[in-house]
């Protein structure tokens, strides 16, 4: 792999669990141990994980098309957990220190978060970008990254928990989704490197509502 001056999203402290979700999803905790983010939606089949919808809107959270000038893309208005998680992963893996400050990056990421504070774990999400000092050093090197999310799926532990206790999905309407993809990082003087990425996200998709990001979920079986 090509060496690059600073790596974004790698080597930082592990993401902490959301204790409030552990309480809200006690039934799932008993079935999935460390996977505390497992819930679903009541309008899905009771004994199986629902198939993702193909719909994906290019509208912002205000209902307006993306302007293309926002430092961080706004969350899409979609209700499918897997498609939303793929969009969120791409957002987390993409950045441009040439045009965006660390504070702007955080503000853009915050717009993806659930408005239900008892579930949202902003600390686990904000930990995905470096502190202001490292961000400044990355900016000195004109570092920026693009990403693609190639695949998303429900982890095995989530599917098992949902099958064994389908009623638990109505407690918080939170899905665990594992997304895989590729990130390409470019920096000054023609530097470039690429690597495969994988992340498990907790996303909230209440009935008749757009999805939102809850947390970076703990490691679960794929």
N, C-alpha and C. Protein backbone atom coordinates (compact mmCIF):
# COMPACT_ATOMS: atom_id res chain seq x y z
N UNK A 1 0.83 -1.19 0.00
CA UNK A 1 0.00 0.00 0.00
C UNK A 1 0.87 1.25 0.00
N UNK A 2 0.41 2.24 -0.72
CA UNK A 2 1.15 3.48 -0.71
C UNK A 2 1.09 4.14 0.65
N UNK A 3 2.19 4.70 1.09
CA UNK A 3 2.18 5.44 2.34
C UNK A 3 1.64 6.84 2.07
N UNK A 4 0.91 7.39 3.04
CA UNK A 4 0.42 8.73 2.88
C UNK A 4 0.69 9.51 4.16
N UNK A 5 0.75 10.83 4.08
CA UNK A 5 1.21 11.60 5.22
C UNK A 5 0.32 11.49 6.43
N UNK A 6 -0.97 11.44 6.23
CA UNK A 6 -1.89 11.31 7.36
C UNK A 6 -3.04 10.44 6.92
N UNK A 7 -3.47 9.53 7.79
CA UNK A 7 -4.59 8.67 7.46
C UNK A 7 -5.80 9.12 8.25
N UNK A 8 -6.93 9.18 7.57
CA UNK A 8 -8.17 9.68 8.14
C UNK A 8 -9.07 8.52 8.49
N UNK A 9 -9.48 8.42 9.76
CA UNK A 9 -10.40 7.38 10.17
C UNK A 9 -9.74 6.09 10.59
N UNK A 10 -8.39 6.07 10.63
CA UNK A 10 -7.69 4.84 11.00
C UNK A 10 -6.85 5.06 12.24
N UNK A 11 -6.77 4.07 13.10
CA UNK A 11 -5.86 4.11 14.24
C UNK A 11 -6.33 4.95 15.41
N UNK A 12 -7.59 5.42 15.36
CA UNK A 12 -8.06 6.20 16.50
C UNK A 12 -8.73 5.28 17.53
N UNK A 13 -9.14 5.81 18.65
CA UNK A 13 -9.69 5.02 19.74
C UNK A 13 -10.98 4.31 19.31
N UNK A 14 -11.27 3.12 19.87
CA UNK A 14 -12.45 2.36 19.47
C UNK A 14 -13.73 3.12 19.80
N UNK A 15 -14.75 2.85 19.02
CA UNK A 15 -16.05 3.51 19.24
C UNK A 15 -16.75 2.89 20.45
N UNK A 16 -17.26 3.78 21.31
CA UNK A 16 -17.92 3.26 22.51
C UNK A 16 -19.37 2.90 22.22
N UNK A 17 -19.89 2.01 23.02
CA UNK A 17 -21.28 1.58 22.86
C UNK A 17 -22.23 2.66 23.36
N UNK A 18 -23.45 2.58 22.94
CA UNK A 18 -24.49 3.49 23.44
C UNK A 18 -25.24 2.79 24.56
N UNK A 19 -25.06 3.26 25.75
CA UNK A 19 -25.68 2.57 26.88
C UNK A 19 -27.21 2.70 26.87
N UNK A 20 -27.72 3.82 26.37
CA UNK A 20 -29.18 3.95 26.35
C UNK A 20 -29.81 2.96 25.41
N UNK A 21 -29.14 2.61 24.33
CA UNK A 21 -29.69 1.61 23.42
C UNK A 21 -29.62 0.23 24.07
N UNK A 22 -28.57 0.02 24.87
CA UNK A 22 -28.46 -1.25 25.58
C UNK A 22 -29.67 -1.47 26.49
N UNK A 23 -30.14 -0.36 27.09
CA UNK A 23 -31.31 -0.45 27.96
C UNK A 23 -32.56 -0.66 27.13
N UNK A 24 -32.71 0.16 26.07
CA UNK A 24 -33.92 0.10 25.25
C UNK A 24 -34.04 -1.23 24.54
N UNK A 25 -32.93 -1.86 24.23
CA UNK A 25 -32.94 -3.10 23.47
C UNK A 25 -32.46 -4.27 24.31
N UNK A 26 -32.94 -4.38 25.53
CA UNK A 26 -32.47 -5.41 26.45
C UNK A 26 -32.71 -6.81 25.89
N UNK A 27 -33.81 -6.98 25.23
CA UNK A 27 -34.08 -8.30 24.67
C UNK A 27 -33.03 -8.69 23.64
N UNK A 28 -32.65 -7.73 22.84
CA UNK A 28 -31.65 -8.02 21.82
C UNK A 28 -30.28 -8.22 22.42
N UNK A 29 -30.00 -7.52 23.50
CA UNK A 29 -28.72 -7.71 24.18
C UNK A 29 -28.57 -9.15 24.65
N UNK A 30 -29.65 -9.72 25.13
CA UNK A 30 -29.59 -11.08 25.62
C UNK A 30 -29.27 -12.06 24.50
N UNK A 31 -29.68 -11.67 23.28
CA UNK A 31 -29.47 -12.56 22.14
C UNK A 31 -28.20 -12.28 21.38
N UNK A 32 -27.78 -11.01 21.37
CA UNK A 32 -26.66 -10.62 20.51
C UNK A 32 -25.47 -10.10 21.28
N UNK A 33 -25.46 -10.24 22.61
CA UNK A 33 -24.30 -9.89 23.44
C UNK A 33 -23.84 -8.49 23.16
N UNK A 34 -22.66 -8.34 22.59
CA UNK A 34 -22.07 -7.01 22.42
C UNK A 34 -22.78 -6.17 21.40
N UNK A 35 -23.69 -6.72 20.63
CA UNK A 35 -24.36 -5.96 19.58
C UNK A 35 -25.61 -5.30 20.13
N UNK A 36 -25.47 -4.09 20.68
CA UNK A 36 -26.56 -3.43 21.39
C UNK A 36 -27.41 -2.54 20.53
N UNK A 37 -27.19 -2.57 19.26
CA UNK A 37 -27.90 -1.63 18.41
C UNK A 37 -28.96 -2.30 17.54
N UNK A 38 -29.42 -3.45 17.98
CA UNK A 38 -30.25 -4.22 17.07
C UNK A 38 -31.73 -3.98 17.34
N UNK A 39 -32.41 -3.33 16.44
CA UNK A 39 -33.87 -3.27 16.40
C UNK A 39 -34.31 -3.22 14.97
N UNK A 40 -35.58 -3.11 14.76
CA UNK A 40 -36.06 -3.01 13.39
C UNK A 40 -37.30 -2.18 13.30
N UNK A 41 -38.16 -2.47 12.35
CA UNK A 41 -39.38 -1.70 12.16
C UNK A 41 -40.58 -2.62 12.22
N UNK A 42 -41.65 -2.14 12.86
CA UNK A 42 -42.80 -2.98 13.12
C UNK A 42 -43.56 -3.35 11.86
N UNK A 43 -43.40 -2.60 10.80
CA UNK A 43 -44.14 -2.90 9.58
C UNK A 43 -43.38 -3.84 8.67
N UNK A 44 -42.29 -4.46 9.16
CA UNK A 44 -41.53 -5.43 8.39
C UNK A 44 -41.98 -6.85 8.75
N UNK A 45 -41.64 -7.87 7.95
CA UNK A 45 -42.00 -9.25 8.31
C UNK A 45 -41.48 -9.61 9.70
N UNK A 46 -42.27 -10.32 10.47
CA UNK A 46 -41.96 -10.53 11.87
C UNK A 46 -40.83 -11.52 12.09
N UNK A 47 -40.58 -12.43 11.18
CA UNK A 47 -39.58 -13.46 11.44
C UNK A 47 -38.40 -13.39 10.48
N UNK A 48 -38.29 -12.32 9.75
CA UNK A 48 -37.19 -12.21 8.80
C UNK A 48 -36.78 -10.76 8.66
N UNK A 49 -35.52 -10.55 8.30
CA UNK A 49 -35.05 -9.20 8.06
C UNK A 49 -35.65 -8.70 6.77
N UNK A 50 -36.22 -7.48 6.73
CA UNK A 50 -36.87 -6.98 5.53
C UNK A 50 -35.88 -6.73 4.40
N UNK A 51 -36.35 -6.92 3.18
CA UNK A 51 -35.51 -6.63 2.02
C UNK A 51 -35.42 -5.13 1.84
N UNK A 52 -34.24 -4.61 1.48
CA UNK A 52 -34.10 -3.18 1.30
C UNK A 52 -34.87 -2.66 0.11
N UNK A 53 -35.36 -1.46 0.23
CA UNK A 53 -36.07 -0.81 -0.85
C UNK A 53 -35.09 -0.22 -1.84
N UNK A 54 -35.42 -0.21 -3.15
CA UNK A 54 -34.50 0.37 -4.12
C UNK A 54 -34.56 1.87 -4.17
N UNK A 55 -35.52 2.48 -3.47
CA UNK A 55 -35.67 3.92 -3.58
C UNK A 55 -34.56 4.65 -2.87
N UNK A 56 -34.12 5.74 -3.49
CA UNK A 56 -33.06 6.55 -2.90
C UNK A 56 -33.23 7.96 -3.42
N UNK A 57 -33.62 8.86 -2.57
CA UNK A 57 -33.87 10.23 -3.01
C UNK A 57 -32.60 11.05 -2.97
N UNK A 58 -32.49 11.97 -3.89
CA UNK A 58 -31.36 12.88 -3.92
C UNK A 58 -31.72 14.21 -3.29
N UNK A 59 -32.72 14.21 -2.41
CA UNK A 59 -33.13 15.44 -1.77
C UNK A 59 -32.47 15.60 -0.42
N UNK A 60 -32.30 16.83 -0.01
CA UNK A 60 -31.73 17.12 1.29
C UNK A 60 -32.79 16.95 2.36
N UNK A 61 -32.40 17.16 3.62
CA UNK A 61 -33.35 17.03 4.72
C UNK A 61 -34.42 18.10 4.67
N UNK A 62 -34.21 19.16 3.91
CA UNK A 62 -35.22 20.21 3.76
C UNK A 62 -36.13 19.96 2.59
N UNK A 63 -35.88 18.88 1.82
CA UNK A 63 -36.68 18.59 0.66
C UNK A 63 -36.16 19.22 -0.61
N UNK A 64 -35.06 19.96 -0.52
CA UNK A 64 -34.48 20.61 -1.68
C UNK A 64 -33.33 19.77 -2.23
N UNK A 65 -33.11 19.86 -3.56
CA UNK A 65 -31.96 19.11 -4.12
C UNK A 65 -30.66 19.59 -3.52
N UNK A 66 -29.68 18.68 -3.44
CA UNK A 66 -28.37 19.06 -2.94
C UNK A 66 -27.78 20.15 -3.82
N UNK A 67 -27.15 21.13 -3.21
CA UNK A 67 -26.58 22.24 -3.96
C UNK A 67 -25.24 21.87 -4.57
N UNK A 68 -24.57 20.86 -4.00
CA UNK A 68 -23.25 20.50 -4.48
C UNK A 68 -22.15 21.35 -3.89
N UNK A 69 -22.53 22.35 -3.08
CA UNK A 69 -21.53 23.23 -2.48
C UNK A 69 -21.41 23.02 -0.98
N UNK A 70 -22.22 22.16 -0.40
CA UNK A 70 -22.15 21.92 1.04
C UNK A 70 -20.84 21.20 1.37
N UNK A 71 -20.16 21.61 2.44
CA UNK A 71 -18.92 20.92 2.82
C UNK A 71 -19.11 19.43 3.03
N UNK A 72 -20.24 19.05 3.61
CA UNK A 72 -20.60 17.65 3.80
C UNK A 72 -21.98 17.44 3.18
N UNK A 73 -22.16 16.40 2.37
CA UNK A 73 -23.49 16.16 1.78
C UNK A 73 -24.55 16.05 2.86
N UNK A 74 -25.71 16.58 2.57
CA UNK A 74 -26.83 16.47 3.51
C UNK A 74 -27.43 15.07 3.45
N UNK A 75 -28.07 14.64 4.53
CA UNK A 75 -28.63 13.28 4.54
C UNK A 75 -29.75 13.12 3.52
N UNK A 76 -29.76 12.02 2.80
CA UNK A 76 -30.85 11.79 1.83
C UNK A 76 -32.14 11.46 2.55
N UNK A 77 -33.24 11.77 1.92
CA UNK A 77 -34.56 11.48 2.50
C UNK A 77 -35.01 10.11 2.01
N UNK A 78 -34.58 9.10 2.71
CA UNK A 78 -34.96 7.73 2.37
C UNK A 78 -35.31 6.98 3.66
N UNK A 79 -36.09 5.91 3.49
CA UNK A 79 -36.55 5.15 4.66
C UNK A 79 -35.97 3.75 4.69
N UNK A 80 -35.10 3.42 3.76
CA UNK A 80 -34.50 2.10 3.73
C UNK A 80 -33.21 2.09 4.54
N UNK A 81 -33.09 1.24 5.56
CA UNK A 81 -31.91 1.26 6.44
C UNK A 81 -30.60 0.98 5.73
N UNK A 82 -30.59 0.00 4.82
CA UNK A 82 -29.35 -0.36 4.15
C UNK A 82 -28.89 0.76 3.22
N UNK A 83 -29.81 1.33 2.44
CA UNK A 83 -29.43 2.40 1.53
C UNK A 83 -28.97 3.64 2.29
N UNK A 84 -29.64 3.93 3.40
CA UNK A 84 -29.20 5.07 4.20
C UNK A 84 -27.82 4.82 4.79
N UNK A 85 -27.60 3.63 5.30
CA UNK A 85 -26.30 3.30 5.90
C UNK A 85 -25.19 3.42 4.86
N UNK A 86 -25.44 3.00 3.63
CA UNK A 86 -24.44 3.12 2.58
C UNK A 86 -24.12 4.59 2.30
N UNK A 87 -25.16 5.42 2.27
CA UNK A 87 -24.93 6.85 2.06
C UNK A 87 -24.15 7.46 3.22
N UNK A 88 -24.49 7.03 4.45
CA UNK A 88 -23.80 7.56 5.63
C UNK A 88 -22.34 7.13 5.66
N UNK A 89 -22.07 5.89 5.28
CA UNK A 89 -20.69 5.40 5.25
C UNK A 89 -19.87 6.19 4.23
N UNK A 90 -20.42 6.43 3.07
CA UNK A 90 -19.72 7.22 2.06
C UNK A 90 -19.43 8.62 2.58
N UNK A 91 -20.40 9.20 3.29
CA UNK A 91 -20.19 10.52 3.89
C UNK A 91 -19.06 10.49 4.90
N UNK A 92 -19.02 9.47 5.75
CA UNK A 92 -17.99 9.38 6.79
C UNK A 92 -16.60 9.14 6.21
N UNK A 93 -16.53 8.49 5.07
CA UNK A 93 -15.24 8.18 4.47
C UNK A 93 -14.74 9.26 3.52
N UNK A 94 -15.54 10.30 3.29
CA UNK A 94 -15.17 11.35 2.34
C UNK A 94 -14.93 12.67 3.07
N UNK A 95 -13.95 13.43 2.61
CA UNK A 95 -13.65 14.73 3.20
C UNK A 95 -12.73 15.50 2.28
N UNK A 96 -12.60 16.79 2.52
CA UNK A 96 -11.70 17.64 1.73
C UNK A 96 -11.16 18.74 2.63
N UNK A 97 -9.95 18.54 3.13
CA UNK A 97 -9.37 19.53 4.03
C UNK A 97 -8.95 20.80 3.30
N UNK A 98 -8.96 20.78 1.97
CA UNK A 98 -8.60 21.98 1.21
C UNK A 98 -9.68 23.04 1.30
N UNK A 99 -10.93 22.61 1.45
CA UNK A 99 -12.05 23.54 1.41
C UNK A 99 -12.92 23.52 2.67
N UNK A 100 -12.67 22.58 3.55
CA UNK A 100 -13.55 22.38 4.70
C UNK A 100 -12.74 22.37 5.99
N UNK A 101 -13.18 23.16 6.96
CA UNK A 101 -12.53 23.15 8.26
C UNK A 101 -13.03 21.95 9.06
N UNK A 102 -12.31 21.63 10.13
CA UNK A 102 -12.73 20.53 10.99
C UNK A 102 -14.09 20.82 11.61
N UNK A 103 -14.34 22.07 11.98
CA UNK A 103 -15.63 22.44 12.55
C UNK A 103 -16.75 22.30 11.53
N UNK A 104 -16.50 22.66 10.28
CA UNK A 104 -17.51 22.50 9.24
C UNK A 104 -17.80 21.03 8.99
N UNK A 105 -16.77 20.22 9.03
CA UNK A 105 -16.96 18.78 8.83
C UNK A 105 -17.86 18.20 9.93
N UNK A 106 -17.58 18.58 11.16
CA UNK A 106 -18.40 18.11 12.27
C UNK A 106 -19.85 18.57 12.14
N UNK A 107 -20.04 19.84 11.78
CA UNK A 107 -21.39 20.37 11.65
C UNK A 107 -22.16 19.62 10.56
N UNK A 108 -21.50 19.32 9.46
CA UNK A 108 -22.16 18.58 8.40
C UNK A 108 -22.53 17.17 8.81
N UNK A 109 -21.64 16.53 9.55
CA UNK A 109 -21.92 15.18 10.03
C UNK A 109 -23.07 15.19 11.03
N UNK A 110 -23.15 16.21 11.84
CA UNK A 110 -24.18 16.29 12.88
C UNK A 110 -25.58 16.31 12.27
N UNK A 111 -25.70 16.86 11.07
CA UNK A 111 -27.01 16.93 10.41
C UNK A 111 -27.57 15.55 10.10
N UNK A 112 -26.72 14.53 10.05
CA UNK A 112 -27.17 13.17 9.77
C UNK A 112 -27.70 12.47 11.02
N UNK A 113 -27.47 13.03 12.19
CA UNK A 113 -27.79 12.34 13.43
C UNK A 113 -29.28 12.35 13.77
N UNK A 114 -29.71 11.31 14.48
CA UNK A 114 -31.06 11.28 15.00
C UNK A 114 -31.32 12.45 15.92
N UNK A 115 -32.53 12.97 15.90
CA UNK A 115 -32.89 14.06 16.80
C UNK A 115 -33.33 13.53 18.17
N UNK A 116 -33.38 12.21 18.32
CA UNK A 116 -33.77 11.61 19.60
C UNK A 116 -32.51 11.42 20.44
N UNK A 117 -32.26 12.37 21.31
CA UNK A 117 -30.99 12.42 22.04
C UNK A 117 -30.76 11.20 22.93
N UNK A 118 -31.82 10.52 23.34
CA UNK A 118 -31.63 9.36 24.22
C UNK A 118 -31.00 8.19 23.49
N UNK A 119 -31.01 8.23 22.16
CA UNK A 119 -30.42 7.15 21.38
C UNK A 119 -29.13 7.57 20.68
N UNK A 120 -29.01 8.79 20.26
CA UNK A 120 -27.86 9.20 19.47
C UNK A 120 -26.55 9.18 20.25
N UNK A 121 -25.53 8.63 19.63
CA UNK A 121 -24.19 8.60 20.23
C UNK A 121 -23.26 9.42 19.34
N UNK A 122 -23.33 10.73 19.50
CA UNK A 122 -22.54 11.63 18.68
C UNK A 122 -21.05 11.42 18.88
N UNK A 123 -20.64 11.04 20.07
CA UNK A 123 -19.21 10.84 20.33
C UNK A 123 -18.63 9.76 19.43
N UNK A 124 -19.37 8.68 19.19
CA UNK A 124 -18.85 7.61 18.35
C UNK A 124 -18.73 8.05 16.89
N UNK A 125 -19.60 8.94 16.47
CA UNK A 125 -19.57 9.43 15.09
C UNK A 125 -18.49 10.49 14.91
N UNK A 126 -18.45 11.46 15.82
CA UNK A 126 -17.48 12.55 15.70
C UNK A 126 -16.04 12.03 15.83
N UNK A 127 -15.87 10.88 16.49
CA UNK A 127 -14.53 10.30 16.63
C UNK A 127 -13.98 9.81 15.30
N UNK A 128 -14.80 9.80 14.24
CA UNK A 128 -14.34 9.34 12.95
C UNK A 128 -13.45 10.36 12.23
N UNK A 129 -13.42 11.60 12.72
CA UNK A 129 -12.51 12.57 12.11
C UNK A 129 -11.46 12.98 13.13
N UNK A 130 -10.30 13.42 12.68
CA UNK A 130 -9.22 13.77 13.60
C UNK A 130 -9.48 15.07 14.33
N UNK A 131 -8.68 15.34 15.34
CA UNK A 131 -8.82 16.58 16.10
C UNK A 131 -8.36 17.76 15.24
N UNK A 132 -8.63 18.99 15.69
CA UNK A 132 -8.30 20.17 14.87
C UNK A 132 -6.83 20.28 14.49
N UNK A 133 -5.93 19.85 15.38
CA UNK A 133 -4.50 19.97 15.08
C UNK A 133 -4.13 19.06 13.92
N UNK A 134 -4.56 17.79 13.98
CA UNK A 134 -4.24 16.86 12.90
C UNK A 134 -4.95 17.28 11.61
N UNK A 135 -6.18 17.77 11.74
CA UNK A 135 -6.90 18.24 10.55
C UNK A 135 -6.12 19.36 9.86
N UNK A 136 -5.54 20.25 10.67
CA UNK A 136 -4.75 21.34 10.12
C UNK A 136 -3.52 20.82 9.38
N UNK A 137 -2.89 19.81 9.95
CA UNK A 137 -1.72 19.21 9.30
C UNK A 137 -2.12 18.53 7.99
N UNK A 138 -3.28 17.89 7.99
CA UNK A 138 -3.79 17.29 6.76
C UNK A 138 -4.06 18.36 5.72
N UNK A 139 -4.60 19.51 6.16
CA UNK A 139 -4.88 20.60 5.24
C UNK A 139 -3.59 21.15 4.64
N UNK A 140 -2.53 21.18 5.43
CA UNK A 140 -1.23 21.62 4.90
C UNK A 140 -0.79 20.74 3.74
N UNK A 141 -1.19 19.48 3.78
CA UNK A 141 -0.84 18.53 2.72
C UNK A 141 -1.93 18.43 1.64
N UNK A 142 -2.96 19.32 1.77
CA UNK A 142 -4.08 19.33 0.80
C UNK A 142 -4.73 17.95 0.67
N UNK A 143 -4.90 17.30 1.80
CA UNK A 143 -5.42 15.94 1.79
C UNK A 143 -6.94 15.93 1.62
N UNK A 144 -7.40 15.05 0.78
CA UNK A 144 -8.84 14.88 0.57
C UNK A 144 -9.12 13.43 0.19
N UNK A 145 -10.35 13.01 0.42
CA UNK A 145 -10.70 11.60 0.19
C UNK A 145 -12.07 11.50 -0.47
N UNK A 146 -12.18 10.54 -1.35
CA UNK A 146 -13.45 10.15 -1.96
C UNK A 146 -13.70 8.70 -1.60
N UNK A 147 -14.96 8.29 -1.64
CA UNK A 147 -15.27 6.92 -1.25
C UNK A 147 -16.48 6.41 -2.02
N UNK A 148 -16.55 5.10 -2.11
CA UNK A 148 -17.73 4.44 -2.64
C UNK A 148 -18.16 3.39 -1.63
N UNK A 149 -19.46 3.21 -1.49
CA UNK A 149 -20.01 2.15 -0.64
C UNK A 149 -20.55 1.08 -1.58
N UNK A 150 -19.89 -0.05 -1.62
CA UNK A 150 -20.23 -1.06 -2.62
C UNK A 150 -21.30 -2.04 -2.16
N UNK A 151 -21.44 -2.21 -0.85
CA UNK A 151 -22.38 -3.22 -0.37
C UNK A 151 -22.80 -2.93 1.05
N UNK A 152 -24.04 -3.26 1.39
CA UNK A 152 -24.53 -3.12 2.76
C UNK A 152 -25.39 -4.30 3.12
N UNK A 153 -25.32 -4.75 4.36
CA UNK A 153 -26.13 -5.89 4.79
C UNK A 153 -26.35 -5.85 6.29
N UNK A 154 -27.36 -6.59 6.74
CA UNK A 154 -27.62 -6.73 8.16
C UNK A 154 -26.69 -7.80 8.73
N UNK A 155 -25.97 -7.52 9.81
CA UNK A 155 -25.10 -8.53 10.41
C UNK A 155 -25.88 -9.76 10.85
N UNK A 156 -25.20 -10.89 10.89
CA UNK A 156 -25.84 -12.15 11.24
C UNK A 156 -26.49 -12.09 12.62
N UNK A 157 -25.81 -11.44 13.58
CA UNK A 157 -26.36 -11.38 14.93
C UNK A 157 -27.65 -10.59 14.97
N UNK A 158 -27.73 -9.54 14.15
CA UNK A 158 -28.95 -8.75 14.08
C UNK A 158 -30.09 -9.59 13.51
N UNK A 159 -29.83 -10.32 12.44
CA UNK A 159 -30.88 -11.14 11.83
C UNK A 159 -31.35 -12.23 12.79
N UNK A 160 -30.43 -12.83 13.51
CA UNK A 160 -30.81 -13.86 14.47
C UNK A 160 -31.66 -13.27 15.59
N UNK A 161 -31.22 -12.12 16.11
CA UNK A 161 -31.97 -11.48 17.19
C UNK A 161 -33.37 -11.09 16.74
N UNK A 162 -33.47 -10.57 15.52
CA UNK A 162 -34.77 -10.17 15.01
C UNK A 162 -35.69 -11.36 14.81
N UNK A 163 -35.14 -12.47 14.34
CA UNK A 163 -35.95 -13.66 14.13
C UNK A 163 -36.44 -14.25 15.45
N UNK A 164 -35.61 -14.19 16.49
CA UNK A 164 -35.96 -14.79 17.78
C UNK A 164 -36.84 -13.89 18.63
N UNK A 165 -36.79 -12.60 18.41
CA UNK A 165 -37.62 -11.68 19.19
C UNK A 165 -38.07 -10.53 18.29
N UNK A 166 -38.97 -10.80 17.34
CA UNK A 166 -39.39 -9.77 16.40
C UNK A 166 -40.08 -8.58 17.07
N UNK A 167 -40.67 -8.77 18.24
CA UNK A 167 -41.36 -7.64 18.90
C UNK A 167 -40.38 -6.58 19.37
N UNK A 168 -39.12 -6.94 19.54
CA UNK A 168 -38.14 -5.96 20.02
C UNK A 168 -37.86 -4.85 19.03
N UNK A 169 -38.24 -5.07 17.77
CA UNK A 169 -37.93 -4.07 16.76
C UNK A 169 -38.74 -2.79 16.94
N UNK A 170 -39.80 -2.85 17.73
CA UNK A 170 -40.64 -1.67 17.91
C UNK A 170 -40.14 -0.75 19.02
N UNK A 171 -39.07 -1.12 19.71
CA UNK A 171 -38.64 -0.33 20.87
C UNK A 171 -37.94 0.96 20.48
N UNK A 172 -37.13 0.91 19.44
CA UNK A 172 -36.41 2.12 19.03
C UNK A 172 -36.27 2.25 17.53
N UNK A 173 -36.70 1.22 16.78
CA UNK A 173 -36.63 1.25 15.32
C UNK A 173 -35.21 1.51 14.82
N UNK A 174 -34.26 0.82 15.42
CA UNK A 174 -32.84 1.00 15.06
C UNK A 174 -32.31 -0.28 14.44
N UNK A 175 -31.68 -0.11 13.29
CA UNK A 175 -31.07 -1.23 12.58
C UNK A 175 -29.56 -1.18 12.71
N UNK A 176 -28.93 -2.35 12.75
CA UNK A 176 -27.48 -2.44 12.57
C UNK A 176 -27.23 -2.83 11.12
N UNK A 177 -26.37 -2.08 10.45
CA UNK A 177 -26.07 -2.34 9.04
C UNK A 177 -24.55 -2.27 8.85
N UNK A 178 -23.98 -3.30 8.27
CA UNK A 178 -22.56 -3.30 7.94
C UNK A 178 -22.38 -2.89 6.49
N UNK A 179 -21.51 -1.92 6.26
CA UNK A 179 -21.27 -1.40 4.91
C UNK A 179 -19.80 -1.62 4.56
N UNK A 180 -19.55 -2.09 3.36
CA UNK A 180 -18.18 -2.22 2.85
C UNK A 180 -18.03 -1.32 1.63
N UNK A 181 -16.81 -0.89 1.39
CA UNK A 181 -16.55 -0.01 0.26
C UNK A 181 -15.07 0.25 0.10
N UNK A 182 -14.75 1.32 -0.60
CA UNK A 182 -13.35 1.67 -0.84
C UNK A 182 -13.17 3.17 -0.69
N UNK A 183 -12.08 3.56 -0.07
CA UNK A 183 -11.73 4.96 0.13
C UNK A 183 -10.43 5.26 -0.63
N UNK A 184 -10.44 6.37 -1.36
CA UNK A 184 -9.25 6.83 -2.07
C UNK A 184 -8.82 8.17 -1.48
N UNK A 185 -7.58 8.24 -1.01
CA UNK A 185 -7.06 9.46 -0.39
C UNK A 185 -5.99 10.06 -1.29
N UNK A 186 -6.07 11.37 -1.50
CA UNK A 186 -5.12 12.09 -2.34
C UNK A 186 -4.53 13.24 -1.54
N UNK A 187 -3.25 13.52 -1.75
CA UNK A 187 -2.62 14.65 -1.07
C UNK A 187 -1.63 15.34 -2.00
N UNK A 188 -0.93 16.31 -1.48
CA UNK A 188 -0.07 17.17 -2.29
C UNK A 188 0.98 16.38 -3.05
N UNK A 189 1.41 16.98 -4.17
CA UNK A 189 2.50 16.45 -5.00
C UNK A 189 2.19 15.08 -5.57
N UNK A 190 0.93 14.87 -5.88
CA UNK A 190 0.53 13.65 -6.56
C UNK A 190 0.40 12.42 -5.69
N UNK A 191 0.45 12.57 -4.37
CA UNK A 191 0.31 11.42 -3.49
C UNK A 191 -1.09 10.85 -3.55
N UNK A 192 -1.20 9.54 -3.54
CA UNK A 192 -2.51 8.90 -3.59
C UNK A 192 -2.42 7.48 -3.04
N UNK A 193 -3.46 7.07 -2.38
CA UNK A 193 -3.55 5.71 -1.88
C UNK A 193 -5.01 5.31 -1.77
N UNK A 194 -5.28 4.02 -1.77
CA UNK A 194 -6.65 3.52 -1.68
C UNK A 194 -6.67 2.27 -0.82
N UNK A 195 -7.79 2.04 -0.17
CA UNK A 195 -7.93 0.83 0.64
C UNK A 195 -9.39 0.49 0.81
N UNK A 196 -9.66 -0.77 1.08
CA UNK A 196 -11.01 -1.24 1.37
C UNK A 196 -11.41 -0.77 2.77
N UNK A 197 -12.68 -0.45 2.93
CA UNK A 197 -13.18 -0.02 4.23
C UNK A 197 -14.42 -0.82 4.60
N UNK A 198 -14.67 -0.93 5.90
CA UNK A 198 -15.87 -1.60 6.40
C UNK A 198 -16.27 -0.93 7.70
N UNK A 199 -17.57 -0.75 7.89
CA UNK A 199 -18.05 -0.11 9.11
C UNK A 199 -19.45 -0.63 9.40
N UNK A 200 -19.79 -0.76 10.67
CA UNK A 200 -21.15 -1.12 11.06
C UNK A 200 -21.80 0.09 11.72
N UNK A 201 -22.93 0.48 11.18
CA UNK A 201 -23.63 1.67 11.65
C UNK A 201 -24.96 1.27 12.29
N UNK A 202 -25.37 2.05 13.26
CA UNK A 202 -26.72 1.95 13.80
C UNK A 202 -27.52 3.10 13.20
N UNK A 203 -28.59 2.77 12.51
CA UNK A 203 -29.43 3.78 11.87
C UNK A 203 -30.86 3.62 12.35
N UNK A 204 -31.52 4.74 12.52
CA UNK A 204 -32.90 4.74 13.00
C UNK A 204 -33.84 5.05 11.84
N UNK A 205 -34.81 4.17 11.64
CA UNK A 205 -35.78 4.34 10.55
C UNK A 205 -37.18 4.08 11.10
N UNK A 206 -37.75 5.08 11.71
CA UNK A 206 -39.10 4.92 12.25
C UNK A 206 -40.11 4.86 11.11
N UNK A 207 -41.25 4.20 11.34
CA UNK A 207 -42.28 4.12 10.29
C UNK A 207 -42.70 5.51 9.84
N UNK A 208 -42.85 5.67 8.53
CA UNK A 208 -43.30 6.92 7.92
C UNK A 208 -42.35 8.08 8.21
N UNK A 209 -41.07 7.79 8.39
CA UNK A 209 -40.08 8.84 8.64
C UNK A 209 -38.79 8.50 7.90
N UNK A 210 -38.01 9.54 7.62
CA UNK A 210 -36.71 9.32 6.99
C UNK A 210 -35.74 8.74 8.00
N UNK A 211 -34.77 8.00 7.51
CA UNK A 211 -33.75 7.42 8.38
C UNK A 211 -32.80 8.49 8.88
N UNK A 212 -32.13 8.18 9.98
CA UNK A 212 -31.09 9.04 10.54
C UNK A 212 -30.01 8.18 11.15
N UNK A 213 -28.87 8.78 11.38
CA UNK A 213 -27.73 8.04 11.94
C UNK A 213 -27.77 8.07 13.46
N UNK A 214 -27.54 6.93 14.08
CA UNK A 214 -27.55 6.83 15.54
C UNK A 214 -26.14 6.74 16.10
N UNK A 215 -25.32 5.88 15.51
CA UNK A 215 -24.01 5.65 16.10
C UNK A 215 -23.16 4.79 15.17
N UNK A 216 -21.88 4.73 15.49
CA UNK A 216 -21.03 3.69 14.96
C UNK A 216 -21.24 2.49 15.88
N UNK A 217 -21.75 1.41 15.34
CA UNK A 217 -22.10 0.27 16.17
C UNK A 217 -20.88 -0.51 16.58
N UNK A 218 -20.97 -1.26 17.67
CA UNK A 218 -19.84 -2.11 18.06
C UNK A 218 -19.60 -3.19 17.05
N UNK A 219 -18.45 -3.84 17.10
CA UNK A 219 -18.14 -4.91 16.16
C UNK A 219 -19.12 -6.07 16.34
N UNK A 220 -19.68 -6.52 15.23
CA UNK A 220 -20.62 -7.63 15.26
C UNK A 220 -20.24 -8.60 14.15
N UNK A 221 -20.75 -9.81 14.25
CA UNK A 221 -20.48 -10.80 13.21
C UNK A 221 -21.12 -10.36 11.91
N UNK A 222 -20.41 -10.41 10.79
CA UNK A 222 -20.96 -9.94 9.52
C UNK A 222 -22.05 -10.87 8.98
